[in-house]
Amino acid sequence: SARQTLSTNLMTCLGQEDMTDLHLVGSDGSKIPAFRTILACQSSVLRKMLFGDFAESKSDIVKLGYCGDALRALVEFCITDDVALFDGRVDENAARGIVQLMACAHFLNMELLQDKAQTLAYTILNEHKSMACIIYDEASIFGEPTESVKKDALNIVRANAEETLLSTPRVLRPEILSELIGDDNMMCEEITLFRALNEWAMGEIFVGYPEEDGNDADRVSIAKEIAAKHIRLSSIRPSDLIGIVKKSCIVDEKLIFEALAAQAIFAEKESNLQFSKKRKLPPPGIRVCGAGTDVINGFYEENGEYQGHPKYTRKGNWCGEDRVFVIYRYDSSSWYIAVVAKNGHIGAGPNDFYSALSQDGIPIDGWRRSRLGVGPGPKCEMII
């Protein structure tokens, strides 16, 4: 179409210096070529900035506090109404760039772009859980515009701590690592948290995290502080205290000895004692996956009863609003997946996404599309 031809030609022109009239400069120093008028057409904020009574209106260089990837995606969206820059990418820069794109779109009052960036972030979280820590780290910088994806990333880290924390610990900021290591809702063994901290300590000097003498602190010094504050040595197996913790050099040997002594004394009083404990057991519920309506996929926690049968709920965003989704049994033979009405009502047909006949409990498969659902139907797994 003519529109497609124009957008394609404009994207091509970005690579020709004499065809563009503006450069966006990112927080990483990247210079992104752009078209002033096209940017202004897509954002009221940019229109005021580039054509109003601001210094940017008289300059062909505009500095924005976001990374180069986020600004490239911004320019691409302004031309094509889409973002293909991150297609197929599963790397730290892409994950951070997508989060920064969310924040940038919010700042520029570009709701469609913000929704697109949020969808990209959720796709990475769902398909590549190892990126959850990075997304949590980056989302922590920007506050309210990225709060929803930050919460989702944290929940994924909590439920998959070994996969997430041990995949990318070295790239995290120390304050974020401390938050995660100190989180009481991590569903993993204490040694997993320690291994993540030890892996982080093996990285390069962390510039910008000063010690009292004003010099940049090395990671081992920072890791020692985090370990002393958050690691619960008494919840680690004696063999791991000796074989892993002692060899790490980030925990004082006196503290290790005290932990071993306390375990020995306690073991004299108790039989069949297990020193390795999860901080928190996952709640009972249902894991839903494969639904054509993506917002339905996720974990539903058991939450009371409906008509004498257990019901399961999860929170999510649907049509731009925070809503509650529910799995419930309506009569003697059928189960439904639906959105709870705004007045809290359950059981209205127009609110259903999928339905299935009972299979001696929650149906594993066989879900049929209802009024709000899109094929294919989901599969359900009971988590006890």
Protein backbone atom coordinates (compact mmCIF):
# COMPACT_ATOMS: atom_id res chain seq x y z
CA SER A 1 0.00 0.00 0.00
CA ALA A 2 1.02 3.64 -0.29
CA ARG A 3 1.24 3.91 3.49
CA GLN A 4 3.54 0.89 3.67
CA THR A 5 5.70 2.26 0.88
CA LEU A 6 6.03 5.62 2.59
CA SER A 7 6.93 4.16 5.97
CA THR A 8 9.44 1.81 4.36
CA ASN A 9 11.06 4.68 2.49
CA LEU A 10 11.20 6.83 5.62
CA MET A 11 12.87 4.02 7.57
CA THR A 12 15.43 3.74 4.76
CA CYS A 13 16.06 7.48 4.88
CA LEU A 14 17.07 7.23 8.54
CA GLY A 15 20.36 5.80 7.33
CA GLN A 16 21.05 8.83 5.14
CA GLU A 17 22.34 11.80 7.09
CA ASP A 18 21.22 14.36 4.50
CA MET A 19 17.62 13.13 4.68
CA THR A 20 17.00 13.63 8.42
CA ASP A 21 16.72 16.90 10.32
CA LEU A 22 17.10 15.82 13.94
CA HIS A 23 19.15 13.56 16.21
CA LEU A 24 17.95 12.16 19.51
CA VAL A 25 20.81 11.62 21.95
CA GLY A 26 20.38 8.80 24.43
CA SER A 27 21.63 8.39 27.97
CA ASP A 28 24.32 6.04 26.61
CA GLY A 29 25.54 8.63 24.09
CA SER A 30 23.79 7.08 21.10
CA LYS A 31 22.74 9.52 18.35
CA ILE A 32 19.52 8.42 16.68
CA PRO A 33 18.50 10.15 13.40
CA ALA A 34 14.86 11.19 13.15
CA PHE A 35 12.33 13.44 11.41
CA ARG A 36 11.21 16.35 13.54
CA THR A 37 7.73 16.69 12.00
CA ILE A 38 6.94 12.96 12.20
CA LEU A 39 7.91 12.82 15.87
CA ALA A 40 5.76 15.85 16.60
CA CYS A 41 2.77 14.29 14.84
CA GLN A 42 2.86 11.26 17.15
CA SER A 43 3.30 12.96 20.52
CA SER A 44 1.84 16.14 21.94
CA VAL A 45 4.83 16.36 24.28
CA LEU A 46 7.28 16.15 21.39
CA ARG A 47 5.24 18.68 19.44
CA LYS A 48 5.59 21.24 22.23
CA MET A 49 9.25 20.36 22.71
CA LEU A 50 10.23 20.52 19.05
CA PHE A 51 8.00 23.35 17.83
CA GLY A 52 7.20 25.29 21.00
CA ASP A 53 9.06 27.81 23.10
CA PHE A 54 11.79 25.39 24.19
CA ALA A 55 15.50 25.17 23.43
CA GLU A 56 14.93 21.89 21.57
CA SER A 57 12.88 23.71 18.90
CA LYS A 58 15.99 25.60 17.82
CA SER A 59 18.41 22.67 17.90
CA ASP A 60 18.93 19.62 15.71
CA ILE A 61 20.18 17.73 18.79
CA VAL A 62 17.66 16.67 21.46
CA LYS A 63 18.78 14.83 24.56
CA LEU A 64 16.39 12.32 26.15
CA GLY A 65 17.26 10.33 29.24
CA TYR A 66 16.69 6.89 27.72
CA CYS A 67 19.04 4.39 26.08
CA GLY A 68 19.69 4.20 22.37
CA ASP A 69 17.53 1.11 21.79
CA ALA A 70 14.53 2.80 23.42
CA LEU A 71 14.97 5.89 21.22
CA ARG A 72 15.44 3.81 18.06
CA ALA A 73 12.20 2.01 18.87
CA LEU A 74 10.50 5.36 19.50
CA VAL A 75 11.54 6.65 16.08
CA GLU A 76 10.51 3.39 14.42
CA PHE A 77 7.07 3.48 16.05
CA CYS A 78 6.51 7.10 15.01
CA ILE A 79 7.09 6.08 11.39
CA THR A 80 5.50 2.60 11.23
CA ASP A 81 3.12 2.41 14.22
CA ASP A 82 5.00 -0.74 15.21
CA VAL A 83 8.20 -1.85 16.95
CA ALA A 84 10.24 -4.54 15.22
CA LEU A 85 13.61 -3.54 16.70
CA PHE A 86 13.40 -6.12 19.50
CA ASP A 87 12.07 -9.03 17.40
CA GLY A 88 13.99 -12.20 18.17
CA ARG A 89 16.21 -10.55 20.77
CA VAL A 90 16.68 -12.10 24.19
CA ASP A 91 19.58 -10.16 25.69
CA GLU A 92 20.21 -7.72 28.51
CA ASN A 93 20.20 -4.62 26.28
CA ALA A 94 16.89 -5.61 24.71
CA ALA A 95 15.25 -6.28 28.07
CA ARG A 96 16.43 -2.98 29.51
CA GLY A 97 15.58 -1.14 26.29
CA ILE A 98 11.99 -2.40 26.33
CA VAL A 99 11.52 -1.26 29.93
CA GLN A 100 13.01 2.15 29.11
CA LEU A 101 10.71 2.35 26.08
CA MET A 102 7.74 1.94 28.45
CA ALA A 103 8.99 4.81 30.59
CA CYS A 104 9.81 6.95 27.55
CA ALA A 105 6.34 6.40 26.05
CA HIS A 106 4.74 7.36 29.35
CA PHE A 107 6.81 10.56 29.50
CA LEU A 108 5.85 11.43 25.93
CA ASN A 109 2.16 10.63 26.53
CA MET A 110 2.14 7.93 23.83
CA GLU A 111 -0.33 5.37 25.19
CA LEU A 112 -0.23 3.02 22.18
CA LEU A 113 3.55 2.82 22.32
CA GLN A 114 3.48 2.26 26.07
CA ASP A 115 1.02 -0.63 25.60
CA LYS A 116 3.24 -2.09 22.87
CA ALA A 117 6.32 -1.90 25.07
CA GLN A 118 4.43 -3.46 27.98
CA THR A 119 3.35 -6.36 25.75
CA LEU A 120 6.96 -6.88 24.67
CA ALA A 121 8.07 -6.92 28.31
CA TYR A 122 5.40 -9.45 29.27
CA THR A 123 6.37 -11.65 26.32
CA ILE A 124 9.98 -11.77 27.49
CA LEU A 125 8.91 -12.51 31.06
CA ASN A 126 6.62 -15.35 30.00
CA GLU A 127 8.91 -16.93 27.43
CA HIS A 128 12.35 -16.20 28.93
CA LYS A 129 12.13 -16.20 32.72
CA SER A 130 15.91 -15.79 32.98
CA MET A 131 15.40 -12.12 32.01
CA ALA A 132 13.12 -11.42 34.99
CA CYS A 133 15.87 -10.08 37.26
CA ILE A 134 17.09 -7.69 34.57
CA ILE A 135 13.59 -6.40 33.90
CA TYR A 136 13.00 -5.97 37.66
CA ASP A 137 16.30 -4.09 37.96
CA GLU A 138 15.51 -1.71 35.10
CA ALA A 139 11.86 -1.20 36.06
CA SER A 140 12.95 -0.18 39.56
CA ILE A 141 14.54 2.96 38.11
CA PHE A 142 11.44 4.56 36.60
CA GLY A 143 8.78 4.27 39.29
CA GLU A 144 5.07 4.31 38.47
CA PRO A 145 5.31 4.03 34.62
CA THR A 146 6.97 0.61 34.92
CA GLU A 147 5.51 -0.53 38.27
CA SER A 148 3.22 -3.20 36.77
CA VAL A 149 6.00 -4.99 34.89
CA LYS A 150 8.26 -4.67 37.93
CA LYS A 151 5.69 -6.51 40.07
CA ASP A 152 5.25 -9.26 37.49
CA ALA A 153 9.02 -9.67 37.18
CA LEU A 154 9.36 -9.96 40.96
CA ASN A 155 6.66 -12.64 41.12
CA ILE A 156 8.48 -14.64 38.44
CA VAL A 157 11.78 -14.32 40.30
CA ARG A 158 10.14 -15.44 43.54
CA ALA A 159 8.58 -18.52 41.93
CA ASN A 160 11.66 -19.39 39.82
CA ALA A 161 14.54 -18.14 41.93
CA GLU A 162 17.07 -20.73 40.89
CA GLU A 163 16.47 -20.19 37.17
CA THR A 164 16.31 -16.39 37.38
CA LEU A 165 18.81 -15.39 40.06
CA LEU A 166 21.52 -17.78 38.89
CA SER A 167 21.17 -16.78 35.22
CA THR A 168 22.07 -13.09 35.26
CA PRO A 169 23.27 -12.01 38.73
CA ARG A 170 26.42 -10.18 37.65
CA VAL A 171 24.54 -7.51 35.66
CA LEU A 172 22.33 -6.41 38.57
CA ARG A 173 22.89 -3.24 40.53
CA PRO A 174 23.98 -4.01 44.12
CA GLU A 175 20.92 -2.39 45.70
CA ILE A 176 18.64 -4.53 43.52
CA LEU A 177 20.57 -7.70 44.30
CA SER A 178 20.25 -6.84 48.00
CA GLU A 179 16.48 -6.41 47.62
CA LEU A 180 16.11 -9.78 45.94
CA ILE A 181 18.42 -11.66 48.31
CA GLY A 182 16.57 -10.13 51.27
CA ASP A 183 13.07 -10.86 49.93
CA ASP A 184 11.23 -13.11 52.41
CA ASN A 185 8.93 -14.50 49.71
CA MET A 186 11.63 -16.23 47.66
CA MET A 187 10.45 -19.81 47.07
CA CYS A 188 13.89 -21.38 47.08
CA GLU A 189 16.51 -22.81 49.36
CA GLU A 190 18.83 -20.39 51.14
CA ILE A 191 21.86 -21.84 49.37
CA THR A 192 20.38 -20.72 46.04
CA LEU A 193 20.34 -17.11 47.24
CA PHE A 194 23.90 -17.47 48.50
CA ARG A 195 25.10 -18.95 45.21
CA ALA A 196 23.57 -16.02 43.33
CA LEU A 197 25.30 -13.55 45.65
CA ASN A 198 28.62 -15.37 45.29
CA GLU A 199 28.31 -15.41 41.50
CA TRP A 200 27.66 -11.65 41.55
CA ALA A 201 30.74 -11.11 43.75
CA MET A 202 32.94 -12.69 41.07
CA GLY A 203 32.19 -9.89 38.58
CA GLU A 204 34.18 -6.74 37.89
CA ILE A 205 34.48 -3.74 40.22
CA PHE A 206 31.13 -1.97 40.44
CA VAL A 207 31.80 1.64 39.51
CA GLY A 208 29.61 4.18 41.26
CA TYR A 209 29.15 2.33 44.55
CA PRO A 210 31.67 4.14 46.80
CA GLU A 211 33.21 2.95 50.03
CA GLU A 212 33.81 5.30 52.95
CA ASP A 213 37.22 6.30 51.55
CA GLY A 214 35.55 7.52 48.34
CA ASN A 215 36.89 4.76 46.08
CA ASP A 216 34.66 2.39 44.14
CA ALA A 217 33.91 -0.67 46.25
CA ASP A 218 34.89 -4.06 44.91
CA ARG A 219 32.09 -6.58 44.59
CA VAL A 220 33.45 -8.84 47.33
CA SER A 221 33.16 -6.04 49.90
CA ILE A 222 29.60 -5.30 48.81
CA ALA A 223 28.70 -9.01 48.81
CA LYS A 224 30.02 -9.36 52.35
CA GLU A 225 27.66 -6.61 53.49
CA ILE A 226 24.69 -8.20 51.73
CA ALA A 227 25.52 -11.67 53.09
CA ALA A 228 25.84 -10.38 56.64
CA LYS A 229 22.50 -8.60 56.35
CA HIS A 230 20.35 -11.12 54.50
CA ILE A 231 21.80 -14.64 54.26
CA ARG A 232 20.39 -17.01 56.90
CA LEU A 233 23.29 -19.37 57.46
CA SER A 234 21.31 -21.59 59.83
CA SER A 235 19.01 -22.54 56.92
CA ILE A 236 21.90 -23.91 54.83
CA ARG A 237 23.01 -27.56 55.01
CA PRO A 238 26.20 -28.11 57.03
CA SER A 239 27.85 -29.69 53.96
CA ASP A 240 27.05 -26.56 51.91
CA LEU A 241 28.30 -24.26 54.66
CA ILE A 242 31.64 -26.01 54.50
CA GLY A 243 31.79 -26.85 50.81
CA ILE A 244 30.31 -23.66 49.27
CA VAL A 245 29.95 -20.85 51.81
CA LYS A 246 33.37 -21.24 53.46
CA LYS A 247 35.16 -21.37 50.10
CA SER A 248 33.46 -18.19 48.87
CA CYS A 249 35.34 -15.77 51.14
CA ILE A 250 32.28 -13.50 51.48
CA VAL A 251 31.24 -14.81 54.92
CA ASP A 252 33.38 -14.60 58.03
CA GLU A 253 34.49 -18.05 59.21
CA LYS A 254 33.37 -17.20 62.73
CA LEU A 255 29.80 -16.78 61.51
CA ILE A 256 29.99 -20.11 59.68
CA PHE A 257 31.25 -21.84 62.85
CA GLU A 258 28.44 -20.29 64.90
CA ALA A 259 25.87 -21.52 62.39
CA LEU A 260 27.32 -25.04 62.43
CA ALA A 261 27.38 -25.06 66.23
CA ALA A 262 23.76 -23.95 66.45
CA GLN A 263 22.74 -26.65 63.97
CA ALA A 264 24.60 -29.32 65.95
CA ILE A 265 22.95 -28.32 69.22
CA PHE A 266 19.53 -28.25 67.62
CA ALA A 267 20.12 -31.63 65.96
CA GLU A 268 20.72 -33.18 69.41
CA LYS A 269 17.18 -32.24 70.38
CA GLU A 270 15.37 -33.07 67.15
CA SER A 271 15.33 -36.16 64.98
CA ASN A 272 14.92 -36.27 61.20
CA LEU A 273 15.81 -32.59 60.99
CA GLN A 274 16.19 -30.99 57.58
CA PHE A 275 18.36 -27.88 57.60
CA SER A 276 17.50 -26.97 54.02
CA LYS A 277 14.17 -25.17 53.99
CA LYS A 278 12.24 -23.10 51.55
CA ARG A 279 11.36 -19.66 52.83
CA LYS A 280 7.83 -19.96 51.56
CA LEU A 281 5.87 -22.78 49.97
CA PRO A 282 4.00 -22.00 46.77
CA PRO A 283 0.27 -21.57 47.46
CA PRO A 284 -2.17 -24.18 46.13
CA GLY A 285 -3.83 -23.22 42.90
CA ILE A 286 -4.04 -23.74 39.14
CA ARG A 287 -1.53 -22.89 36.43
CA VAL A 288 -3.19 -21.95 33.13
CA CYS A 289 -1.25 -21.92 29.85
CA GLY A 290 -1.81 -22.01 26.11
CA ALA A 291 -4.98 -19.91 26.02
CA GLY A 292 -5.47 -17.86 22.87
CA THR A 293 -6.48 -14.96 25.10
CA ASP A 294 -3.06 -14.34 26.68
CA VAL A 295 -4.32 -12.40 29.69
CA ILE A 296 -5.94 -15.62 30.94
CA ASN A 297 -2.60 -17.45 31.18
CA GLY A 298 -0.86 -17.50 34.55
CA PHE A 299 -1.19 -18.81 38.09
CA TYR A 300 -4.54 -18.74 39.90
CA GLU A 301 -4.41 -18.97 43.68
CA GLU A 302 -7.11 -20.77 45.64
CA ASN A 303 -9.37 -18.08 47.06
CA GLY A 304 -12.43 -19.28 48.94
CA GLU A 305 -15.44 -21.03 47.46
CA TYR A 306 -18.25 -20.46 44.99
CA GLN A 307 -21.47 -22.51 45.35
CA GLY A 308 -19.67 -24.97 47.63
CA HIS A 309 -16.69 -25.53 45.31
CA PRO A 310 -13.18 -24.03 45.46
CA LYS A 311 -12.57 -21.00 43.26
CA TYR A 312 -9.26 -19.64 42.05
CA THR A 313 -8.31 -16.05 41.22
CA ARG A 314 -5.48 -13.97 39.80
CA LYS A 315 -5.07 -10.26 39.13
CA GLY A 316 -4.23 -8.85 35.71
CA ASN A 317 -4.69 -5.99 33.32
CA TRP A 318 -7.51 -6.23 30.80
CA CYS A 319 -8.65 -3.48 28.46
CA GLY A 320 -6.41 -1.03 30.28
CA GLU A 321 -7.88 -1.80 33.72
CA ASP A 322 -6.72 -3.84 36.71
CA ARG A 323 -9.19 -6.74 36.95
CA VAL A 324 -9.59 -10.06 38.74
CA PHE A 325 -9.90 -13.28 36.74
CA VAL A 326 -11.54 -16.36 38.24
CA ILE A 327 -11.86 -20.11 37.68
CA TYR A 328 -15.04 -21.47 39.23
CA ARG A 329 -17.60 -24.26 39.03
CA TYR A 330 -21.08 -23.00 38.26
CA ASP A 331 -23.19 -26.14 38.39
CA SER A 332 -22.69 -29.87 38.80
CA SER A 333 -20.88 -30.39 35.52
CA SER A 334 -19.18 -27.25 34.16
CA TRP A 335 -16.20 -25.05 35.02
CA TYR A 336 -15.62 -21.52 33.74
CA ILE A 337 -12.72 -19.08 33.34
CA ALA A 338 -14.03 -15.53 33.50
CA VAL A 339 -13.39 -11.97 34.52
CA VAL A 340 -15.04 -10.91 37.77
CA ALA A 341 -17.57 -8.15 37.21
CA LYS A 342 -16.65 -4.73 38.54
CA ASN A 343 -19.32 -5.15 41.23
CA GLY A 344 -17.67 -8.42 42.32
CA HIS A 345 -20.34 -10.64 40.73
CA ILE A 346 -19.38 -14.11 39.45
CA GLY A 347 -21.46 -16.31 37.17
CA ALA A 348 -22.56 -13.96 34.38
CA GLY A 349 -22.22 -15.55 30.93
CA PRO A 350 -21.02 -12.36 29.16
CA ASN A 351 -17.94 -12.36 31.42
CA ASP A 352 -16.77 -15.88 30.44
CA PHE A 353 -13.66 -16.59 28.39
CA TYR A 354 -13.73 -20.42 28.39
CA SER A 355 -15.81 -23.30 29.74
CA ALA A 356 -15.29 -27.07 30.13
CA LEU A 357 -17.01 -30.11 31.52
CA SER A 358 -15.81 -31.35 34.89
CA GLN A 359 -13.22 -34.17 34.85
CA ASP A 360 -13.48 -35.30 38.47
CA GLY A 361 -12.23 -31.84 39.38
CA ILE A 362 -10.62 -29.02 37.43
CA PRO A 363 -10.56 -29.92 33.70
CA ILE A 364 -7.02 -30.40 32.42
CA ASP A 365 -8.03 -29.77 28.83
CA GLY A 366 -11.18 -29.69 26.73
CA TRP A 367 -11.81 -26.00 27.35
CA ARG A 368 -14.17 -24.40 24.83
CA ARG A 369 -14.15 -20.77 23.79
CA SER A 370 -16.91 -18.63 25.34
CA ARG A 371 -18.00 -15.07 24.55
CA LEU A 372 -14.74 -13.30 25.49
CA GLY A 373 -12.24 -16.04 24.69
CA VAL A 374 -10.05 -16.57 21.63
CA GLY A 375 -8.95 -20.00 20.49
CA PRO A 376 -7.17 -22.20 21.27
CA GLY A 377 -8.51 -23.15 24.68
CA PRO A 378 -6.12 -23.41 27.62
CA LYS A 379 -4.66 -26.31 29.53
CA CYS A 380 -4.79 -26.35 33.33
CA GLU A 381 -2.39 -27.86 35.85
CA MET A 382 -3.34 -28.30 39.50
CA ILE A 383 -0.62 -27.10 41.89
CA ILE A 384 -0.92 -28.62 45.36
